[in-house]
Amino acid sequence: MRTDGDIPKQIIMPKQNARGHDARPAVCYYVSGHGLGHASRATLVMRSIPQDIRLIVKSSASEDYIRREAKRPLDFHADRFDFGAWQKSNFEIDWKKTFSVCKRIGADAARRIDDEARFLEANNVGAVVSDIPPVPHCAARLAGIPGIAIVNFTWIEIFRKAADAAGIAAARLLDQYKKQYSSASLALRTPFCFPMKYFPVFRDIPLIGRRGIASRERLIREGVVAEGQRLVLLYFGNWGNGGMRLDRLERLRDVMFVSLSEMPPPVRYLDPSIWDFADVLASSDAVLAKPGYGAMAGCMAAGIPVIYYPRPEFAEYRVMRRDLDHWGGAVRIGRRNFLSCRWECALEKAFTLSPVRVDADGAHEAATVILRSML
């Protein structure tokens, strides 16, 4: 936990300019709107930045989600500086559309570098943070301030294999990304990461994850789960549970399946305005989830076994599988068994695991680096 002694005093002292306007240093945080993984990680870092520092957020992600999860004052600007991948489903990417949209959005963002640098100067921004749009690093360099990337991958790793088959335009897009990312002052690499040697300077930090507070007694008291029943949290990301045979879970009467996204019975829906995802996760006997950064980080932080399905078409799956195997608290389930809800064997194995809790204090370390870069 952060103490006041960790925070540079000359940064957190309020300042006013000659006209009495707020002239405190600000952090400008650019967050990709692709999925929720980037926003969930970024908001944990935002929480660790002292509230004496003005926080500006530019993102195409949900403003409501970022405000709820950041739990601090911030100025939100709905804006897009990257796109990510055009997904057909949880398992498919339309690469033709992906490269077409990324080229258009990338060109628009690059045209705005001068304007963005002026925005940073006008708002007394002392540091830019990006997870993971590349263009903000160019604007930060032009404004003469640090640009810090918080990454486990960039779009270069995600697109590289498909770009090799897509032709010269896709290759040029990756070259452009490399030049833009190379403008960063520093890359903070978290676990599940690629080498990303195109960043001129990098530093490894712990996992950025939230360790919830176990609330099993409350779940029992409010009738969500019975005494002696196993509790399994389901999280399948933005694409939900389309086409799955969830009715087959009826036969697993000794297990209660819950989700903070709406799913049909027998899955019990928990309203996220009432129940905290990290607390429910910490109260579970196992989690069955899409192998994405946020969910996997939460399981590792809490030491809760996780069952995940393969996503080999996504480049980050390879490094995520590597680190999950090394942790020892994860069970892989085949895609066919996952979609048909034949989960018995995977659940039985997961219930025997007692994985260790992993250091997940990367948000505090990242915030400390950001603040010190502003001195």
Foldseek 3Di string as FASTA:
>chain_A
DDDPVLFDPVQLDWDADPVRDGQHAAEEEEFEQDFCQRLLLVLLLLLLFDLSHAYEYEYCHDPVVSCVSNVHDYHYDDDHQAHAFCAPFLFGTDVVVRLVVRVVSNVVLQVCLCVLLVVCVVNNHQEYEYAARLSVLSSCVVNVHAYEYEDQEYVCLQCVVVLVVPDDSSVVSSVVSLVSQCSHPEYEHEALHDPNPSPVYYHYFYAAADAAAADLVVCCVVPQAHPQAAEEEEEETPRPQPQAPQVVCVVVVSYAYEYCDDDDPPHHHDPCVVDPPLRSQLNGQEYEYELDRHVVLSCQQSQHAYEYEDRVSGSSRVSSVVVVVVQPRYHYDYPVCVRHVVCVVVVVVNNVDRTDRTDNPRSNVVSSVRSVSSD
